[in-house]
């Protein structure tokens, strides 16, 4: 780049160590020829974000992306600061005082709500909470999921919903070679769940799961899966979509194999339903059922109710109807679209002008879309804007403070990359001791902190 010489000793903070944040760090050191110093912050003691805590434990090939991201953290111009939280350990203004620029890449961390009566009943659960639990997120260590019920409903037909169904349907023995915490394996082993309803408001052509995810459901050794033949009677628009869209065509083909009469030989059953919208979760002290209304598409393509209802006798409801980001303390935020307002990664203030020195990458930039790899080009765009801005600002002042001094004043003992490697080694050793694959996660804060500094 023409302006590399202007970047000597520039310091940039990246808030969030998931794929978006680490791809941003990688782009910074590459585009700046290693002259930019990058500090990556995370409120957790562990890096990798959704690769560690969102990708299903049995999707080992996708989780292997962590090996690539590890190389970013090992670059001599990159440092990791774990257990440091913006808004708790330091303010936005304090962070900005230590760096020439800051990139926020904290992702989309919470589920959207259904907005129906009964949603707050015990047993009504956000899919992210359930995923965090079986993925060993320390925030979920104290969660108590009642799997003594026989029927469960999963609302949503995206990849996360399918992941949840698959984990519920598999045996604990099938999951033993994954990194699921041992305490979670024990709960899954005692599960009484026998029937899992997977429910979509629209039709099969609008399902958001990938064909690979669909095939995995069909290949389960512990569960049958069934879809009603009438649900696969495609309307003209859906049929045309199946002809032109490879994903839709593959999904519909996979689902047609599930219309045959189901067998009761296997202990668990998955009932995939389309054209149903939840209207109420029934019960008083606990969930006793889920009321659903049949739906159809209007002439304008909107989902509308038909006035026909049915009730499923479920004891647990897991919602997976989309994710949204949460505002960061002091940082501009659009509460309607749940993103930080930006243009090509430059954060915009209330007047629509770029805010000097502040940038955004990942889902909190564009919303929850794309796959893990999408974050790479997204981060590269943001970094290109950041470096161009720094090169154009010949009269910029230098950072007024050092982050090390600030954290010391706060008595905040950050987890270093070397500390994380200690935790990493402890999880690998735990797996070896339990004879359980490559690693078993330590799933609570105390154990993780102790492993960081043995």
Protein backbone atom coordinates (compact mmCIF):
# COMPACT_ATOMS: atom_id res chain seq x y z
CA UNK A 1 0.00 0.00 0.00
CA UNK A 2 1.16 3.50 -0.74
CA UNK A 3 0.69 4.67 2.85
CA UNK A 4 2.40 1.84 4.73
CA UNK A 5 5.28 4.13 5.76
CA UNK A 6 2.81 6.36 7.64
CA UNK A 7 1.69 3.53 9.92
CA UNK A 8 4.76 2.87 12.03
CA UNK A 9 3.76 2.09 15.63
CA UNK A 10 0.07 2.81 15.04
CA UNK A 11 -1.96 1.04 17.73
CA UNK A 12 -5.44 -0.39 17.04
CA UNK A 13 -7.81 -2.10 19.48
CA UNK A 14 -10.19 -4.83 18.32
CA UNK A 15 -13.08 -5.49 20.71
CA UNK A 16 -14.19 -9.09 20.24
CA UNK A 17 -12.03 -12.12 19.43
CA UNK A 18 -14.47 -14.08 17.31
CA UNK A 19 -13.92 -14.63 13.56
CA UNK A 20 -14.82 -11.01 12.68
CA UNK A 21 -12.40 -9.57 15.22
CA UNK A 22 -9.54 -11.91 14.38
CA UNK A 23 -10.04 -11.49 10.64
CA UNK A 24 -9.85 -7.73 11.27
CA UNK A 25 -6.60 -8.20 13.21
CA UNK A 26 -5.24 -10.33 10.37
CA UNK A 27 -6.20 -7.72 7.77
CA UNK A 28 -4.54 -4.99 9.85
CA UNK A 29 -1.17 -6.72 10.03
CA UNK A 30 -1.32 -7.80 6.39
CA UNK A 31 -2.47 -4.56 4.84
CA UNK A 32 -0.05 -2.56 7.01
CA UNK A 33 2.87 -4.92 6.43
CA UNK A 34 3.11 -5.74 10.14
CA UNK A 35 3.67 -2.12 11.21
CA UNK A 36 0.34 -1.74 13.02
CA UNK A 37 0.21 -3.07 16.59
CA UNK A 38 -3.10 -4.79 17.32
CA UNK A 39 -4.59 -5.55 20.74
CA UNK A 40 -7.57 -7.93 20.70
CA UNK A 41 -9.95 -7.73 23.67
CA UNK A 42 -12.58 -10.19 24.85
CA UNK A 43 -14.68 -10.35 28.00
CA UNK A 44 -14.05 -14.12 28.09
CA UNK A 45 -10.73 -15.80 28.88
CA UNK A 46 -10.99 -17.68 25.58
CA UNK A 47 -10.67 -16.46 21.98
CA UNK A 48 -12.56 -17.57 18.83
CA UNK A 49 -16.10 -16.44 19.72
CA UNK A 50 -18.78 -18.38 17.87
CA UNK A 51 -16.25 -20.86 16.50
CA UNK A 52 -15.83 -22.05 20.09
CA UNK A 53 -19.30 -21.30 21.48
CA UNK A 54 -21.66 -21.33 18.50
CA UNK A 55 -20.54 -23.99 16.04
CA UNK A 56 -22.10 -27.32 16.98
CA UNK A 57 -19.71 -29.64 18.86
CA UNK A 58 -20.17 -32.41 16.30
CA UNK A 59 -19.21 -30.09 13.40
CA UNK A 60 -15.51 -30.62 13.85
CA UNK A 61 -14.47 -29.53 10.38
CA UNK A 62 -15.99 -26.08 10.91
CA UNK A 63 -14.53 -25.80 14.41
CA UNK A 64 -11.08 -26.43 12.91
CA UNK A 65 -11.17 -22.80 11.69
CA UNK A 66 -9.79 -22.07 15.17
CA UNK A 67 -6.43 -23.42 13.99
CA UNK A 68 -6.32 -20.73 11.31
CA UNK A 69 -7.41 -18.00 13.71
CA UNK A 70 -4.75 -19.16 16.19
CA UNK A 71 -2.07 -18.05 13.73
CA UNK A 72 -3.44 -14.50 13.89
CA UNK A 73 -3.03 -14.42 17.67
CA UNK A 74 0.52 -15.74 17.32
CA UNK A 75 1.60 -12.88 15.04
CA UNK A 76 4.22 -10.75 16.84
CA UNK A 77 2.18 -7.58 16.23
CA UNK A 78 -0.96 -9.00 17.90
CA UNK A 79 -1.73 -9.32 21.62
CA UNK A 80 -4.72 -10.92 23.36
CA UNK A 81 -6.42 -9.36 26.40
CA UNK A 82 -9.00 -11.78 27.79
CA UNK A 83 -11.37 -11.10 30.69
CA UNK A 84 -11.50 -7.40 29.80
CA UNK A 85 -15.00 -6.05 29.21
CA UNK A 86 -15.90 -2.72 27.67
CA UNK A 87 -18.25 -0.90 30.02
CA UNK A 88 -17.14 -2.90 33.06
CA UNK A 89 -13.34 -2.67 33.13
CA UNK A 90 -12.90 0.41 30.99
CA UNK A 91 -15.06 2.96 29.21
CA UNK A 92 -15.26 3.78 25.55
CA UNK A 93 -13.45 7.08 26.13
CA UNK A 94 -10.67 5.35 28.07
CA UNK A 95 -10.20 2.77 25.33
CA UNK A 96 -10.04 5.47 22.67
CA UNK A 97 -7.41 7.34 24.69
CA UNK A 98 -5.07 4.35 24.37
CA UNK A 99 -5.35 3.72 20.62
CA UNK A 100 -5.27 5.41 17.25
CA UNK A 101 -8.42 3.51 16.28
CA UNK A 102 -10.88 0.98 17.68
CA UNK A 103 -12.81 -1.74 15.82
CA UNK A 104 -15.91 -3.16 17.55
CA UNK A 105 -16.71 -6.75 16.53
CA UNK A 106 -18.86 -8.18 19.31
CA UNK A 107 -21.32 -10.09 17.12
CA UNK A 108 -25.02 -10.79 17.70
CA UNK A 109 -25.37 -12.32 21.15
CA UNK A 110 -29.08 -12.65 21.97
CA UNK A 111 -32.14 -14.35 20.47
CA UNK A 112 -35.14 -12.50 19.21
CA UNK A 113 -38.36 -13.05 21.16
CA UNK A 114 -41.55 -14.62 19.83
CA UNK A 115 -43.72 -11.97 21.49
CA UNK A 116 -46.47 -14.39 22.52
CA UNK A 117 -48.21 -15.10 25.85
CA UNK A 118 -46.45 -17.64 28.05
CA UNK A 119 -43.00 -16.97 26.63
CA UNK A 120 -41.61 -16.35 30.12
CA UNK A 121 -42.75 -19.68 31.56
CA UNK A 122 -40.06 -22.04 32.92
CA UNK A 123 -39.03 -24.28 30.05
CA UNK A 124 -39.32 -21.53 27.43
CA UNK A 125 -35.71 -21.10 26.37
CA UNK A 126 -33.66 -19.04 23.93
CA UNK A 127 -31.77 -21.32 21.59
CA UNK A 128 -28.58 -19.35 22.23
CA UNK A 129 -28.81 -20.18 25.94
CA UNK A 130 -29.17 -23.87 25.12
CA UNK A 131 -26.32 -23.71 22.58
CA UNK A 132 -24.11 -21.87 25.07
CA UNK A 133 -24.83 -24.59 27.62
CA UNK A 134 -23.86 -27.56 25.46
CA UNK A 135 -20.93 -25.60 23.98
CA UNK A 136 -19.51 -24.93 27.44
CA UNK A 137 -19.91 -21.15 27.62
CA UNK A 138 -19.11 -20.12 31.22
CA UNK A 139 -22.16 -17.81 31.38
CA UNK A 140 -24.37 -20.90 30.92
CA UNK A 141 -22.65 -23.10 33.50
CA UNK A 142 -25.44 -22.58 36.04
CA UNK A 143 -28.30 -23.11 33.63
CA UNK A 144 -30.66 -25.95 34.43
CA UNK A 145 -32.45 -27.39 31.40
CA UNK A 146 -35.20 -29.85 32.22
CA UNK A 147 -34.82 -32.73 29.78
CA UNK A 148 -37.17 -34.95 31.77
CA UNK A 149 -40.02 -33.95 29.40
CA UNK A 150 -40.96 -36.26 26.56
CA UNK A 151 -41.80 -33.69 23.88
CA UNK A 152 -39.92 -30.53 22.88
CA UNK A 153 -40.69 -27.86 20.28
CA UNK A 154 -37.92 -25.99 18.46
CA UNK A 155 -39.24 -22.84 16.76
CA UNK A 156 -37.33 -21.86 13.62
CA UNK A 157 -35.87 -23.66 10.63
CA UNK A 158 -32.35 -22.26 10.39
CA UNK A 159 -29.04 -24.02 10.97
CA UNK A 160 -28.99 -23.25 14.70
CA UNK A 161 -32.46 -24.78 15.14
CA UNK A 162 -31.32 -27.90 13.29
CA UNK A 163 -28.18 -28.06 15.45
CA UNK A 164 -30.33 -27.97 18.59
CA UNK A 165 -32.60 -30.72 17.25
CA UNK A 166 -29.62 -32.88 16.34
CA UNK A 167 -28.01 -32.53 19.80
CA UNK A 168 -31.34 -33.41 21.45
CA UNK A 169 -31.79 -36.42 19.16
CA UNK A 170 -28.32 -37.93 19.49
CA UNK A 171 -27.28 -40.25 22.28
CA UNK A 172 -24.73 -39.12 24.84
CA UNK A 173 -22.46 -41.87 23.56
CA UNK A 174 -22.58 -40.38 20.06
CA UNK A 175 -21.45 -37.04 21.52
CA UNK A 176 -18.70 -38.33 23.80
CA UNK A 177 -15.90 -37.66 21.31
CA UNK A 178 -16.90 -33.97 21.07
CA UNK A 179 -15.76 -31.12 23.34
CA UNK A 180 -19.10 -30.90 25.25
CA UNK A 181 -18.42 -30.46 29.01
CA UNK A 182 -18.69 -33.64 31.03
CA UNK A 183 -21.50 -32.25 33.20
CA UNK A 184 -23.57 -31.55 30.07
CA UNK A 185 -22.93 -35.06 28.74
CA UNK A 186 -24.35 -36.41 32.01
CA UNK A 187 -27.56 -34.38 31.59
CA UNK A 188 -27.95 -35.43 27.94
CA UNK A 189 -27.42 -39.07 28.94
CA UNK A 190 -30.38 -38.83 31.33
CA UNK A 191 -32.64 -37.08 28.79
CA UNK A 192 -36.24 -38.38 28.54
CA UNK A 193 -36.96 -36.47 25.33
CA UNK A 194 -38.59 -38.75 22.80
CA UNK A 195 -40.26 -36.44 20.28
CA UNK A 196 -38.88 -33.20 18.85
CA UNK A 197 -41.07 -30.85 16.81
CA UNK A 198 -39.19 -28.56 14.41
CA UNK A 199 -41.54 -25.76 13.37
CA UNK A 200 -41.42 -23.15 10.60
CA UNK A 201 -43.83 -20.27 9.95
CA UNK A 202 -43.30 -20.49 6.20
CA UNK A 203 -42.92 -23.37 3.77
CA UNK A 204 -40.06 -25.71 2.89
CA UNK A 205 -38.79 -23.42 0.13
CA UNK A 206 -38.18 -20.72 2.74
CA UNK A 207 -36.28 -22.95 5.20
CA UNK A 208 -32.93 -21.38 6.11
CA UNK A 209 -30.96 -24.52 6.98
CA UNK A 210 -28.37 -25.76 4.53
CA UNK A 211 -28.73 -29.01 2.61
CA UNK A 212 -25.76 -30.40 4.53
CA UNK A 213 -27.61 -29.79 7.81
CA UNK A 214 -30.74 -31.40 6.36
CA UNK A 215 -28.83 -34.51 5.30
CA UNK A 216 -27.34 -34.83 8.77
CA UNK A 217 -30.84 -35.00 10.24
CA UNK A 218 -31.73 -37.77 7.81
CA UNK A 219 -28.61 -39.74 8.76
CA UNK A 220 -29.21 -39.78 12.52
CA UNK A 221 -28.84 -43.28 13.92
CA UNK A 222 -30.98 -42.72 16.99
CA UNK A 223 -34.02 -40.93 15.52
CA UNK A 224 -36.51 -41.09 12.69
CA UNK A 225 -37.63 -37.92 10.91
CA UNK A 226 -40.93 -37.22 9.20
CA UNK A 227 -42.46 -34.39 7.18
CA UNK A 228 -46.07 -34.37 6.02
CA UNK A 229 -46.36 -34.91 2.25
CA UNK A 230 -48.84 -32.04 1.97
CA UNK A 231 -46.25 -29.64 3.41
CA UNK A 232 -44.08 -30.38 0.38
CA UNK A 233 -46.83 -29.54 -2.12
CA UNK A 234 -45.07 -26.42 -3.42
CA UNK A 235 -47.00 -23.39 -4.64
CA UNK A 236 -45.96 -22.08 -8.10
CA UNK A 237 -43.54 -19.49 -6.69
CA UNK A 238 -41.87 -22.04 -4.42
CA UNK A 239 -41.68 -24.60 -7.22
CA UNK A 240 -40.00 -22.02 -9.46
CA UNK A 241 -37.55 -21.23 -6.66
CA UNK A 242 -36.73 -24.91 -6.27
CA UNK A 243 -35.89 -25.01 -9.97
CA UNK A 244 -33.47 -22.06 -9.87
CA UNK A 245 -32.03 -22.10 -6.33
CA UNK A 246 -29.59 -24.91 -5.60
CA UNK A 247 -30.08 -24.68 -1.83
CA UNK A 248 -33.87 -24.88 -2.04
CA UNK A 249 -33.70 -27.70 -4.56
CA UNK A 250 -31.33 -29.70 -2.35
CA UNK A 251 -33.43 -29.12 0.77
CA UNK A 252 -36.67 -30.13 -0.89
CA UNK A 253 -35.05 -33.26 -2.31
CA UNK A 254 -33.76 -34.23 1.14
CA UNK A 255 -37.16 -33.62 2.74
CA UNK A 256 -39.08 -35.64 0.16
CA UNK A 257 -37.26 -38.70 1.48
CA UNK A 258 -38.84 -38.03 4.88
CA UNK A 259 -42.47 -38.27 3.76
CA UNK A 260 -42.65 -42.08 3.95
CA UNK A 261 -44.56 -43.55 6.90
CA UNK A 262 -42.37 -43.29 9.96
CA UNK A 263 -40.92 -46.19 11.86
CA UNK A 264 -41.18 -46.46 15.62
CA UNK A 265 -38.12 -48.70 15.92
CA UNK A 266 -35.81 -45.89 17.03
CA UNK A 267 -36.13 -44.21 20.46
CA UNK A 268 -36.50 -40.63 19.22
CA UNK A 269 -38.56 -39.00 16.53
CA UNK A 270 -38.28 -35.62 14.76
CA UNK A 271 -41.49 -34.14 13.38
CA UNK A 272 -40.71 -31.36 10.87
CA UNK A 273 -43.67 -29.02 10.43
CA UNK A 274 -44.17 -26.06 8.11
CA UNK A 275 -46.88 -23.40 7.83
CA UNK A 276 -47.35 -23.05 11.60
CA UNK A 277 -46.93 -19.95 13.78
CA UNK A 278 -46.72 -20.09 17.60
CA UNK A 279 -49.50 -18.05 19.21
CA UNK A 280 -49.28 -19.03 22.89
CA UNK A 281 -47.21 -21.14 25.26
CA UNK A 282 -49.66 -22.84 27.60
CA UNK A 283 -49.26 -23.60 31.29
CA UNK A 284 -49.18 -22.04 34.75
CA UNK A 285 -46.08 -23.04 36.70
CA UNK A 286 -44.54 -24.93 33.79
CA UNK A 287 -45.10 -25.45 30.08
CA UNK A 288 -47.98 -27.78 29.29
CA UNK A 289 -48.41 -27.14 25.58
CA UNK A 290 -47.76 -24.93 22.57
CA UNK A 291 -50.65 -23.42 20.62
CA UNK A 292 -50.03 -22.95 16.91
CA UNK A 293 -51.98 -21.33 14.10
CA UNK A 294 -51.84 -22.59 10.54
CA UNK A 295 -50.41 -20.05 8.10
CA UNK A 296 -50.30 -19.29 4.41
CA UNK A 297 -48.79 -16.66 2.14
CA UNK A 298 -50.92 -13.68 1.17
CA UNK A 299 -50.97 -12.27 -2.35
CA UNK A 300 -48.23 -9.86 -1.26
CA UNK A 301 -46.07 -12.73 0.00
CA UNK A 302 -46.66 -12.06 3.72
CA UNK A 303 -47.35 -14.82 6.23
CA UNK A 304 -50.94 -14.64 7.49
CA UNK A 305 -52.93 -16.86 9.84
CA UNK A 306 -55.75 -19.07 8.58
CA UNK A 307 -57.73 -19.12 11.86
CA UNK A 308 -57.09 -22.85 12.28
CA UNK A 309 -55.28 -23.90 15.47
CA UNK A 310 -53.69 -26.95 17.01
CA UNK A 311 -51.89 -27.64 20.29
CA UNK A 312 -48.77 -29.72 20.82
CA UNK A 313 -48.32 -31.36 24.26
CA UNK A 314 -44.73 -30.17 24.71
CA UNK A 315 -42.97 -29.54 28.01
CA UNK A 316 -40.18 -27.36 26.60
CA UNK A 317 -39.98 -24.69 23.88
CA UNK A 318 -36.72 -23.51 22.32
CA UNK A 319 -36.93 -20.41 20.15
CA UNK A 320 -34.49 -19.92 17.28
CA UNK A 321 -36.04 -17.14 15.22
CA UNK A 322 -33.02 -14.91 14.67
CA UNK A 323 -30.31 -13.08 16.54
CA UNK A 324 -29.63 -9.47 17.35
CA UNK A 325 -26.69 -7.47 18.61
CA UNK A 326 -26.75 -5.49 21.83
CA UNK A 327 -25.58 -1.92 22.26
CA UNK A 328 -22.09 -1.24 23.59
CA UNK A 329 -21.75 1.33 26.34
CA UNK A 330 -21.47 4.77 24.72
CA UNK A 331 -21.13 3.51 21.13
CA UNK A 332 -23.74 4.64 18.53
CA UNK A 333 -26.39 1.97 17.99
CA UNK A 334 -29.48 1.60 15.80
CA UNK A 335 -32.13 0.08 18.08
CA UNK A 336 -34.36 -0.79 15.09
CA UNK A 337 -31.88 -2.75 13.00
CA UNK A 338 -29.71 -3.83 15.97
CA UNK A 339 -26.44 -2.80 14.35
CA UNK A 340 -23.90 -0.03 14.82
CA UNK A 341 -24.67 2.50 12.06
CA UNK A 342 -21.78 2.58 9.62
CA UNK A 343 -20.63 3.18 6.09
CA UNK A 344 -18.08 0.65 4.83
CA UNK A 345 -17.17 -0.01 8.45
CA UNK A 346 -16.80 3.62 9.50
CA UNK A 347 -19.12 4.26 12.47
CA UNK A 348 -21.60 7.08 11.85
CA UNK A 349 -22.79 9.59 14.42
CA UNK A 350 -26.32 10.97 14.78
CA UNK A 351 -25.67 13.49 11.99
CA UNK A 352 -24.62 10.71 9.60
CA UNK A 353 -20.96 11.73 9.60
CA UNK A 354 -18.15 9.27 10.38
CA UNK A 355 -17.02 9.21 14.00
CA UNK A 356 -13.22 9.67 14.01
CA UNK A 357 -11.23 6.64 15.06
CA UNK A 358 -14.12 4.18 15.49
CA UNK A 359 -14.99 1.27 13.20
CA UNK A 360 -17.09 -1.88 13.19
CA UNK A 361 -16.89 -5.39 11.72
CA UNK A 362 -18.95 -8.58 11.67
CA UNK A 363 -22.58 -9.12 12.63
CA UNK A 364 -22.77 -5.95 14.71
CA UNK A 365 -21.85 -4.16 11.47
CA UNK A 366 -24.16 -5.87 8.99
CA UNK A 367 -26.59 -8.01 11.03
CA UNK A 368 -26.54 -11.81 11.48
CA UNK A 369 -25.90 -12.94 7.93
CA UNK A 370 -23.47 -15.05 5.97
CA UNK A 371 -21.16 -17.83 7.13
CA UNK A 372 -17.95 -17.70 9.17
CA UNK A 373 -15.89 -16.93 6.07
CA UNK A 374 -18.10 -13.95 5.16
CA UNK A 375 -16.44 -12.09 8.02
CA UNK A 376 -13.10 -12.12 6.21
CA UNK A 377 -14.11 -9.83 3.34
CA UNK A 378 -16.26 -7.80 5.72
CA UNK A 379 -13.28 -7.17 8.02
CA UNK A 380 -10.98 -6.39 5.09
CA UNK A 381 -13.35 -3.61 3.97
CA UNK A 382 -13.37 -2.07 7.45
CA UNK A 383 -9.58 -2.24 7.78
CA UNK A 384 -9.06 -0.66 4.38
CA UNK A 385 -11.21 2.30 5.47
CA UNK A 386 -9.37 2.55 8.81
CA UNK A 387 -5.90 2.56 7.30
CA UNK A 388 -6.89 5.06 4.64
CA UNK A 389 -8.24 7.40 7.31
CA UNK A 390 -5.07 7.17 9.38
CA UNK A 391 -2.85 7.77 6.37
CA UNK A 392 -4.91 10.82 5.39
CA UNK A 393 -4.69 12.35 8.88
CA UNK A 394 -1.15 13.72 8.94
CA UNK A 395 -1.84 15.91 11.97
CA UNK A 396 -3.35 13.22 14.17
CA UNK A 397 -2.39 13.14 17.82
CA UNK A 398 -0.83 10.10 19.39
CA UNK A 399 -2.68 8.01 22.01
CA UNK A 400 -2.49 9.72 25.40
CA UNK A 401 -2.26 6.56 27.53
CA UNK A 402 -0.97 3.00 27.57
CA UNK A 403 -3.49 0.23 27.98
CA UNK A 404 -1.20 -1.61 30.39
CA UNK A 405 -1.18 1.37 32.76
CA UNK A 406 -4.95 1.77 32.55
CA UNK A 407 -5.65 -1.88 33.32
CA UNK A 408 -3.21 -1.79 36.20
CA UNK A 409 -5.03 1.23 37.64
CA UNK A 410 -8.29 -0.70 37.33
CA UNK A 411 -6.72 -3.75 39.01
CA UNK A 412 -7.85 -5.71 35.97
CA UNK A 413 -5.66 -8.77 35.46
CA UNK A 414 -6.13 -9.57 31.79
CA UNK A 415 -5.76 -13.10 30.48
CA UNK A 416 -2.85 -13.23 28.03
CA UNK A 417 -2.47 -15.50 25.02
CA UNK A 418 0.00 -17.57 27.04
CA UNK A 419 -2.65 -17.92 29.79
CA UNK A 420 -5.13 -19.11 27.19
CA UNK A 421 -2.63 -21.73 26.01
CA UNK A 422 -2.56 -23.07 29.58
CA UNK A 423 -6.35 -23.39 29.51
CA UNK A 424 -6.16 -24.98 26.07
CA UNK A 425 -3.68 -27.56 27.36
CA UNK A 426 -5.85 -28.30 30.40
CA UNK A 427 -8.86 -29.08 28.19
CA UNK A 428 -6.79 -31.36 25.97
CA UNK A 429 -5.45 -33.17 29.05
CA UNK A 430 -8.99 -33.52 30.45
CA UNK A 431 -10.13 -35.19 27.23
CA UNK A 432 -7.23 -37.63 27.40
CA UNK A 433 -8.05 -38.49 31.00
CA UNK A 434 -11.70 -39.08 30.17
CA UNK A 435 -10.88 -40.85 26.89
CA UNK A 436 -13.13 -38.39 25.08
CA UNK A 437 -11.63 -37.16 21.82
CA UNK A 438 -9.38 -34.12 21.30
CA UNK A 439 -10.65 -31.83 24.07
CA UNK A 440 -13.31 -31.51 26.75
CA UNK A 441 -14.22 -27.95 27.67
CA UNK A 442 -13.97 -26.51 31.12
CA UNK A 443 -17.39 -24.92 31.33
CA UNK A 444 -17.34 -22.63 34.37
CA UNK A 445 -15.55 -19.40 35.22
CA UNK A 446 -13.66 -20.67 38.28
CA UNK A 447 -12.20 -23.72 36.52
CA UNK A 448 -11.23 -21.68 33.47
CA UNK A 449 -9.49 -18.98 35.49
CA UNK A 450 -7.63 -21.60 37.54
CA UNK A 451 -6.45 -23.35 34.37
CA UNK A 452 -5.19 -20.09 32.89
CA UNK A 453 -2.68 -19.65 35.70
CA UNK A 454 -1.99 -23.08 37.21
